[in-house]
Amino acid sequence: MVLFVIPPLYWSKMIGLPGNTLWGIDKILLGTIFGSFIFLLGVAFDKWLRTLNNGKVYVYFQKVIVPVFLLSLTSYIFYLITK
């Protein structure tokens, strides 16, 4: 999916702007990389929680809540860093 989004942004010169970097990496690329990693971590964490509870969820919609919560927490941390 990233291959369909990043190249058009690069070709339209939305990626690579001089002032749009954090730690020397473009913010869009950094957000895409961190977001993808955190989402996959959230999915793995949900599966791990299910194994602890004999294949059952602890709360309804846990499969959605865990990744969204981790993504929201990561967004808040990045907000505090860039504030």
PDB file of N, CA and C in Angstrom:
ATOM      1  N   MET A   1       0.814  -1.184   0.000  1.00  0.00           N
ATOM      2  CA  MET A   1       0.000   0.000   0.000  1.00  0.00           C
ATOM      3  C   MET A   1       0.867   1.260   0.000  1.00  0.00           C
ATOM      4  N   VAL A   2       1.971   1.197   0.706  1.00  0.00           N
ATOM      5  CA  VAL A   2       2.865   2.356   0.780  1.00  0.00           C
ATOM      6  C   VAL A   2       3.402   2.706  -0.599  1.00  0.00           C
ATOM      7  N   LEU A   3       3.592   1.696  -1.435  1.00  0.00           N
ATOM      8  CA  LEU A   3       4.126   1.935  -2.776  1.00  0.00           C
ATOM      9  C   LEU A   3       3.170   2.739  -3.652  1.00  0.00           C
ATOM     10  N   PHE A   4       1.894   2.752  -3.307  1.00  0.00           N
ATOM     11  CA  PHE A   4       0.928   3.538  -4.064  1.00  0.00           C
ATOM     12  C   PHE A   4       0.802   4.965  -3.542  1.00  0.00           C
ATOM     13  N   VAL A   5       1.311   5.233  -2.354  1.00  0.00           N
ATOM     14  CA  VAL A   5       1.144   6.553  -1.739  1.00  0.00           C
ATOM     15  C   VAL A   5       2.421   7.384  -1.795  1.00  0.00           C
ATOM     16  N   ILE A   6       3.540   6.809  -1.430  1.00  0.00           N
ATOM     17  CA  ILE A   6       4.788   7.570  -1.307  1.00  0.00           C
ATOM     18  C   ILE A   6       5.302   8.111  -2.645  1.00  0.00           C
ATOM     19  N   PRO A   7       5.394   7.313  -3.718  1.00  0.00           N
ATOM     20  CA  PRO A   7       5.916   7.878  -4.978  1.00  0.00           C
ATOM     21  C   PRO A   7       5.130   9.075  -5.515  1.00  0.00           C
ATOM     22  N   PRO A   8       3.783   9.045  -5.538  1.00  0.00           N
ATOM     23  CA  PRO A   8       3.088  10.248  -6.006  1.00  0.00           C
ATOM     24  C   PRO A   8       3.348  11.476  -5.129  1.00  0.00           C
ATOM     25  N   LEU A   9       3.492  11.268  -3.834  1.00  0.00           N
ATOM     26  CA  LEU A   9       3.812  12.396  -2.958  1.00  0.00           C
ATOM     27  C   LEU A   9       5.203  12.937  -3.255  1.00  0.00           C
ATOM     28  N   TYR A  10       6.127  12.062  -3.575  1.00  0.00           N
ATOM     29  CA  TYR A  10       7.481  12.492  -3.922  1.00  0.00           C
ATOM     30  C   TYR A  10       7.487  13.226  -5.260  1.00  0.00           C
ATOM     31  N   TRP A  11       6.771  12.687  -6.244  1.00  0.00           N
ATOM     32  CA  TRP A  11       6.746  13.306  -7.575  1.00  0.00           C
ATOM     33  C   TRP A  11       6.045  14.657  -7.561  1.00  0.00           C
ATOM     34  N   SER A  12       5.075  14.834  -6.668  1.00  0.00           N
ATOM     35  CA  SER A  12       4.390  16.128  -6.576  1.00  0.00           C
ATOM     36  C   SER A  12       5.114  17.079  -5.624  1.00  0.00           C
ATOM     37  N   LYS A  13       6.304  16.681  -5.189  1.00  0.00           N
ATOM     38  CA  LYS A  13       7.181  17.493  -4.336  1.00  0.00           C
ATOM     39  C   LYS A  13       6.549  17.840  -2.981  1.00  0.00           C
ATOM     40  N   MET A  14       5.785  16.911  -2.435  1.00  0.00           N
ATOM     41  CA  MET A  14       5.245  17.082  -1.090  1.00  0.00           C
ATOM     42  C   MET A  14       6.159  16.423  -0.059  1.00  0.00           C
ATOM     43  N   ILE A  15       6.989  15.502  -0.502  1.00  0.00           N
ATOM     44  CA  ILE A  15       7.984  14.872   0.358  1.00  0.00           C
ATOM     45  C   ILE A  15       9.341  15.445  -0.021  1.00  0.00           C
ATOM     46  N   GLY A  16      10.130  15.754   0.968  1.00  0.00           N
ATOM     47  CA  GLY A  16      11.469  16.270   0.711  1.00  0.00           C
ATOM     48  C   GLY A  16      11.598  17.768   0.897  1.00  0.00           C
ATOM     49  N   LEU A  17      10.600  18.392   1.495  1.00  0.00           N
ATOM     50  CA  LEU A  17      10.693  19.823   1.767  1.00  0.00           C
ATOM     51  C   LEU A  17      11.716  20.056   2.872  1.00  0.00           C
ATOM     52  N   PRO A  18      12.522  21.120   2.776  1.00  0.00           N
ATOM     53  CA  PRO A  18      13.618  21.329   3.735  1.00  0.00           C
ATOM     54  C   PRO A  18      13.173  21.461   5.194  1.00  0.00           C
ATOM     55  N   GLY A  19      12.091  22.156   5.480  1.00  0.00           N
ATOM     56  CA  GLY A  19      11.697  22.381   6.869  1.00  0.00           C
ATOM     57  C   GLY A  19      10.768  21.332   7.429  1.00  0.00           C
ATOM     58  N   ASN A  20      10.461  20.321   6.653  1.00  0.00           N
ATOM     59  CA  ASN A  20       9.494  19.317   7.070  1.00  0.00           C
ATOM     60  C   ASN A  20      10.186  18.026   7.497  1.00  0.00           C
ATOM     61  N   THR A  21      11.183  18.147   8.381  1.00  0.00           N
ATOM     62  CA  THR A  21      11.924  16.965   8.810  1.00  0.00           C
ATOM     63  C   THR A  21      11.945  16.865  10.327  1.00  0.00           C
ATOM     64  N   LEU A  22      12.107  15.654  10.791  1.00  0.00           N
ATOM     65  CA  LEU A  22      12.306  15.369  12.205  1.00  0.00           C
ATOM     66  C   LEU A  22      13.383  14.301  12.264  1.00  0.00           C
ATOM     67  N   TRP A  23      14.456  14.573  12.985  1.00  0.00           N
ATOM     68  CA  TRP A  23      15.613  13.679  13.084  1.00  0.00           C
ATOM     69  C   TRP A  23      16.234  13.422  11.711  1.00  0.00           C
ATOM     70  N   GLY A  24      16.138  14.386  10.814  1.00  0.00           N
ATOM     71  CA  GLY A  24      16.722  14.265   9.488  1.00  0.00           C
ATOM     72  C   GLY A  24      15.906  13.458   8.495  1.00  0.00           C
ATOM     73  N   ILE A  25      14.704  13.035   8.887  1.00  0.00           N
ATOM     74  CA  ILE A  25      13.829  12.246   8.014  1.00  0.00           C
ATOM     75  C   ILE A  25      12.549  13.040   7.789  1.00  0.00           C
ATOM     76  N   ASP A  26      12.031  12.989   6.570  1.00  0.00           N
ATOM     77  CA  ASP A  26      10.788  13.677   6.263  1.00  0.00           C
ATOM     78  C   ASP A  26       9.674  13.179   7.189  1.00  0.00           C
ATOM     79  N   LYS A  27       8.836  14.099   7.661  1.00  0.00           N
ATOM     80  CA  LYS A  27       7.804  13.734   8.631  1.00  0.00           C
ATOM     81  C   LYS A  27       6.781  12.755   8.065  1.00  0.00           C
ATOM     82  N   ILE A  28       6.464  12.881   6.781  1.00  0.00           N
ATOM     83  CA  ILE A  28       5.507  11.947   6.182  1.00  0.00           C
ATOM     84  C   ILE A  28       6.085  10.534   6.158  1.00  0.00           C
ATOM     85  N   LEU A  29       7.341  10.413   5.756  1.00  0.00           N
ATOM     86  CA  LEU A  29       7.983   9.094   5.744  1.00  0.00           C
ATOM     87  C   LEU A  29       8.137   8.541   7.157  1.00  0.00           C
ATOM     88  N   LEU A  30       8.536   9.398   8.083  1.00  0.00           N
ATOM     89  CA  LEU A  30       8.708   8.968   9.471  1.00  0.00           C
ATOM     90  C   LEU A  30       7.384   8.489  10.061  1.00  0.00           C
ATOM     91  N   GLY A  31       6.317   9.234   9.798  1.00  0.00           N
ATOM     92  CA  GLY A  31       5.002   8.838  10.288  1.00  0.00           C
ATOM     93  C   GLY A  31       4.509   7.547   9.663  1.00  0.00           C
ATOM     94  N   THR A  32       4.790   7.372   8.387  1.00  0.00           N
ATOM     95  CA  THR A  32       4.389   6.146   7.702  1.00  0.00           C
ATOM     96  C   THR A  32       5.136   4.940   8.263  1.00  0.00           C
ATOM     97  N   ILE A  33       6.423   5.106   8.484  1.00  0.00           N
ATOM     98  CA  ILE A  33       7.236   4.006   9.015  1.00  0.00           C
ATOM     99  C   ILE A  33       6.822   3.666  10.441  1.00  0.00           C
ATOM    100  N   PHE A  34       6.744   4.689  11.301  1.00  0.00           N
ATOM    101  CA  PHE A  34       6.359   4.439  12.692  1.00  0.00           C
ATOM    102  C   PHE A  34       4.931   3.915  12.789  1.00  0.00           C
ATOM    103  N   GLY A  35       4.018   4.492  12.015  1.00  0.00           N
ATOM    104  CA  GLY A  35       2.626   4.052  12.048  1.00  0.00           C
ATOM    105  C   GLY A  35       2.465   2.610  11.615  1.00  0.00           C
ATOM    106  N   SER A  36       3.167   2.221  10.568  1.00  0.00           N
ATOM    107  CA  SER A  36       3.100   0.828  10.107  1.00  0.00           C
ATOM    108  C   SER A  36       3.649  -0.120  11.163  1.00  0.00           C
ATOM    109  N   PHE A  37       4.777   0.257  11.763  1.00  0.00           N
ATOM    110  CA  PHE A  37       5.387  -0.585  12.793  1.00  0.00           C
ATOM    111  C   PHE A  37       4.477  -0.707  14.018  1.00  0.00           C
ATOM    112  N   ILE A  38       3.919   0.411  14.471  1.00  0.00           N
ATOM    113  CA  ILE A  38       3.059   0.394  15.655  1.00  0.00           C
ATOM    114  C   ILE A  38       1.777  -0.386  15.380  1.00  0.00           C
ATOM    115  N   PHE A  39       1.229  -0.251  14.175  1.00  0.00           N
ATOM    116  CA  PHE A  39       0.032  -1.018  13.831  1.00  0.00           C
ATOM    117  C   PHE A  39       0.315  -2.519  13.879  1.00  0.00           C
ATOM    118  N   LEU A  40       1.423  -2.941  13.283  1.00  0.00           N
ATOM    119  CA  LEU A  40       1.775  -4.365  13.312  1.00  0.00           C
ATOM    120  C   LEU A  40       2.053  -4.836  14.736  1.00  0.00           C
ATOM    121  N   LEU A  41       2.661  -3.973  15.540  1.00  0.00           N
ATOM    122  CA  LEU A  41       2.884  -4.295  16.950  1.00  0.00           C
ATOM    123  C   LEU A  41       1.553  -4.454  17.685  1.00  0.00           C
ATOM    124  N   GLY A  42       0.585  -3.598  17.373  1.00  0.00           N
ATOM    125  CA  GLY A  42      -0.737  -3.696  17.989  1.00  0.00           C
ATOM    126  C   GLY A  42      -1.456  -4.978  17.621  1.00  0.00           C
ATOM    127  N   VAL A  43      -1.340  -5.398  16.375  1.00  0.00           N
ATOM    128  CA  VAL A  43      -1.955  -6.655  15.940  1.00  0.00           C
ATOM    129  C   VAL A  43      -1.303  -7.833  16.660  1.00  0.00           C
ATOM    130  N   ALA A  44       0.019  -7.807  16.772  1.00  0.00           N
ATOM    131  CA  ALA A  44       0.727  -8.883  17.476  1.00  0.00           C
ATOM    132  C   ALA A  44       0.374  -8.885  18.965  1.00  0.00           C
ATOM    133  N   PHE A  45       0.239  -7.701  19.550  1.00  0.00           N
ATOM    134  CA  PHE A  45      -0.124  -7.600  20.967  1.00  0.00           C
ATOM    135  C   PHE A  45      -1.529  -8.150  21.205  1.00  0.00           C
ATOM    136  N   ASP A  46      -2.452  -7.885  20.282  1.00  0.00           N
ATOM    137  CA  ASP A  46      -3.805  -8.429  20.388  1.00  0.00           C
ATOM    138  C   ASP A  46      -3.776  -9.952  20.334  1.00  0.00           C
ATOM    139  N   LYS A  47      -3.000 -10.510  19.419  1.00  0.00           N
ATOM    140  CA  LYS A  47      -2.895 -11.970  19.327  1.00  0.00           C
ATOM    141  C   LYS A  47      -2.282 -12.561  20.593  1.00  0.00           C
ATOM    142  N   TRP A  48      -1.298 -11.861  21.158  1.00  0.00           N
ATOM    143  CA  TRP A  48      -0.675 -12.338  22.395  1.00  0.00           C
ATOM    144  C   TRP A  48      -1.677 -12.307  23.548  1.00  0.00           C
ATOM    145  N   LEU A  49      -2.487 -11.238  23.627  1.00  0.00           N
ATOM    146  CA  LEU A  49      -3.512 -11.164  24.670  1.00  0.00           C
ATOM    147  C   LEU A  49      -4.521 -12.298  24.531  1.00  0.00           C
ATOM    148  N   ARG A  50      -4.853 -12.640  23.295  1.00  0.00           N
ATOM    149  CA  ARG A  50      -5.802 -13.738  23.075  1.00  0.00           C
ATOM    150  C   ARG A  50      -5.215 -15.080  23.518  1.00  0.00           C
ATOM    151  N   THR A  51      -3.916 -15.275  23.317  1.00  0.00           N
ATOM    152  CA  THR A  51      -3.316 -16.545  23.752  1.00  0.00           C
ATOM    153  C   THR A  51      -3.308 -16.649  25.272  1.00  0.00           C
ATOM    154  N   LEU A  52      -3.194 -15.522  25.950  1.00  0.00           N
ATOM    155  CA  LEU A  52      -3.234 -15.548  27.415  1.00  0.00           C
ATOM    156  C   LEU A  52      -4.619 -15.908  27.936  1.00  0.00           C
ATOM    157  N   ASN A  53      -5.652 -15.607  27.149  1.00  0.00           N
ATOM    158  CA  ASN A  53      -7.031 -15.813  27.587  1.00  0.00           C
ATOM    159  C   ASN A  53      -7.691 -16.975  26.824  1.00  0.00           C
ATOM    160  N   ASN A  54      -6.908 -17.966  26.446  1.00  0.00           N
ATOM    161  CA  ASN A  54      -7.411 -19.170  25.758  1.00  0.00           C
ATOM    162  C   ASN A  54      -8.175 -18.851  24.474  1.00  0.00           C
ATOM    163  N   GLY A  55      -7.663 -17.921  23.689  1.00  0.00           N
ATOM    164  CA  GLY A  55      -8.262 -17.608  22.398  1.00  0.00           C
ATOM    165  C   GLY A  55      -9.454 -16.686  22.444  1.00  0.00           C
ATOM    166  N   LYS A  56      -9.772 -16.167  23.614  1.00  0.00           N
ATOM    167  CA  LYS A  56     -10.922 -15.264  23.743  1.00  0.00           C
ATOM    168  C   LYS A  56     -10.426 -13.850  24.014  1.00  0.00           C
ATOM    169  N   VAL A  57     -11.245 -12.877  23.626  1.00  0.00           N
ATOM    170  CA  VAL A  57     -10.872 -11.480  23.843  1.00  0.00           C
ATOM    171  C   VAL A  57     -11.213 -11.074  25.272  1.00  0.00           C
ATOM    172  N   TYR A  58     -10.487 -10.082  25.778  1.00  0.00           N
ATOM    173  CA  TYR A  58     -10.777  -9.550  27.107  1.00  0.00           C
ATOM    174  C   TYR A  58     -11.948  -8.579  27.060  1.00  0.00           C
ATOM    175  N   VAL A  59     -11.994  -7.747  26.025  1.00  0.00           N
ATOM    176  CA  VAL A  59     -13.083  -6.780  25.845  1.00  0.00           C
ATOM    177  C   VAL A  59     -13.585  -6.898  24.408  1.00  0.00           C
ATOM    178  N   TYR A  60     -14.830  -6.521  24.198  1.00  0.00           N
ATOM    179  CA  TYR A  60     -15.369  -6.530  22.844  1.00  0.00           C
ATOM    180  C   TYR A  60     -14.591  -5.552  21.970  1.00  0.00           C
ATOM    181  N   PHE A  61     -14.421  -5.893  20.716  1.00  0.00           N
ATOM    182  CA  PHE A  61     -13.695  -5.080  19.737  1.00  0.00           C
ATOM    183  C   PHE A  61     -12.228  -4.882  20.114  1.00  0.00           C
ATOM    184  N   GLN A  62     -11.658  -5.820  20.844  1.00  0.00           N
ATOM    185  CA  GLN A  62     -10.252  -5.741  21.244  1.00  0.00           C
ATOM    186  C   GLN A  62      -9.338  -5.692  20.029  1.00  0.00           C
ATOM    187  N   LYS A  63      -9.718  -6.386  18.965  1.00  0.00           N
ATOM    188  CA  LYS A  63      -8.914  -6.422  17.744  1.00  0.00           C
ATOM    189  C   LYS A  63      -8.777  -5.033  17.130  1.00  0.00           C
ATOM    190  N   VAL A  64      -9.739  -4.169  17.356  1.00  0.00           N
ATOM    191  CA  VAL A  64      -9.703  -2.796  16.853  1.00  0.00           C
ATOM    192  C   VAL A  64      -9.125  -1.852  17.900  1.00  0.00           C
ATOM    193  N   ILE A  65      -9.510  -2.044  19.141  1.00  0.00           N
ATOM    194  CA  ILE A  65      -9.134  -1.119  20.215  1.00  0.00           C
ATOM    195  C   ILE A  65      -7.629  -1.089  20.441  1.00  0.00           C
ATOM    196  N   VAL A  66      -6.983  -2.240  20.455  1.00  0.00           N
ATOM    197  CA  VAL A  66      -5.553  -2.293  20.773  1.00  0.00           C
ATOM    198  C   VAL A  66      -4.708  -1.539  19.741  1.00  0.00           C
ATOM    199  N   PRO A  67      -4.831  -1.823  18.435  1.00  0.00           N
ATOM    200  CA  PRO A  67      -4.013  -1.060  17.477  1.00  0.00           C
ATOM    201  C   PRO A  67      -4.346   0.431  17.443  1.00  0.00           C
ATOM    202  N   VAL A  68      -5.629   0.771  17.530  1.00  0.00           N
ATOM    203  CA  VAL A  68      -6.013   2.189  17.494  1.00  0.00           C
ATOM    204  C   VAL A  68      -5.485   2.908  18.729  1.00  0.00           C
ATOM    205  N   PHE A  69      -5.541   2.258  19.885  1.00  0.00           N
ATOM    206  CA  PHE A  69      -5.002   2.877  21.095  1.00  0.00           C
ATOM    207  C   PHE A  69      -3.500   3.104  20.975  1.00  0.00           C
ATOM    208  N   LEU A  70      -2.773   2.106  20.478  1.00  0.00           N
ATOM    209  CA  LEU A  70      -1.323   2.264  20.330  1.00  0.00           C
ATOM    210  C   LEU A  70      -0.977   3.348  19.309  1.00  0.00           C
ATOM    211  N   LEU A  71      -1.740   3.434  18.218  1.00  0.00           N
ATOM    212  CA  LEU A  71      -1.509   4.496  17.233  1.00  0.00           C
ATOM    213  C   LEU A  71      -1.807   5.870  17.825  1.00  0.00           C
ATOM    214  N   SER A  72      -2.871   5.972  18.622  1.00  0.00           N
ATOM    215  CA  SER A  72      -3.207   7.243  19.266  1.00  0.00           C
ATOM    216  C   SER A  72      -2.139   7.644  20.274  1.00  0.00           C
ATOM    217  N   LEU A  73      -1.656   6.683  21.036  1.00  0.00           N
ATOM    218  CA  LEU A  73      -0.602   6.956  22.009  1.00  0.00           C
ATOM    219  C   LEU A  73       0.675   7.415  21.315  1.00  0.00           C
ATOM    220  N   THR A  74       1.025   6.771  20.217  1.00  0.00           N
ATOM    221  CA  THR A  74       2.210   7.164  19.451  1.00  0.00           C
ATOM    222  C   THR A  74       2.041   8.561  18.865  1.00  0.00           C
ATOM    223  N   SER A  75       0.851   8.868  18.365  1.00  0.00           N
ATOM    224  CA  SER A  75       0.590  10.208  17.829  1.00  0.00           C
ATOM    225  C   SER A  75       0.737  11.262  18.913  1.00  0.00           C
ATOM    226  N   TYR A  76       0.242  10.967  20.106  1.00  0.00           N
ATOM    227  CA  TYR A  76       0.359  11.913  21.213  1.00  0.00           C
ATOM    228  C   TYR A  76       1.823  12.109  21.606  1.00  0.00           C
ATOM    229  N   ILE A  77       2.596  11.047  21.618  1.00  0.00           N
ATOM    230  CA  ILE A  77       4.026  11.161  21.946  1.00  0.00           C
ATOM    231  C   ILE A  77       4.742  12.010  20.906  1.00  0.00           C
ATOM    232  N   PHE A  78       4.445  11.792  19.627  1.00  0.00           N
ATOM    233  CA  PHE A  78       5.058  12.614  18.581  1.00  0.00           C
ATOM    234  C   PHE A  78       4.599  14.066  18.678  1.00  0.00           C
ATOM    235  N   TYR A  79       3.361  14.280  19.091  1.00  0.00           N
ATOM    236  CA  TYR A  79       2.882  15.649  19.305  1.00  0.00           C
ATOM    237  C   TYR A  79       3.704  16.329  20.394  1.00  0.00           C
ATOM    238  N   LEU A  80       3.955  15.621  21.484  1.00  0.00           N
ATOM    239  CA  LEU A  80       4.747  16.201  22.571  1.00  0.00           C
ATOM    240  C   LEU A  80       6.189  16.449  22.144  1.00  0.00           C
ATOM    241  N   ILE A  81       6.731  15.587  21.305  1.00  0.00           N
ATOM    242  CA  ILE A  81       8.108  15.762  20.832  1.00  0.00           C
ATOM    243  C   ILE A  81       8.227  16.982  19.936  1.00  0.00           C
ATOM    244  N   THR A  82       7.266  17.167  19.041  1.00  0.00           N
ATOM    245  CA  THR A  82       7.354  18.256  18.062  1.00  0.00           C
ATOM    246  C   THR A  82       6.735  19.554  18.541  1.00  0.00           C
ATOM    247  N   LYS A  83       6.163  19.577  19.702  1.00  0.00           N
ATOM    248  CA  LYS A  83       5.493  20.766  20.241  1.00  0.00           C
ATOM    249  C   LYS A  83       6.438  21.913  20.441  1.00  0.00           C
TER     250      LYS A  83
END
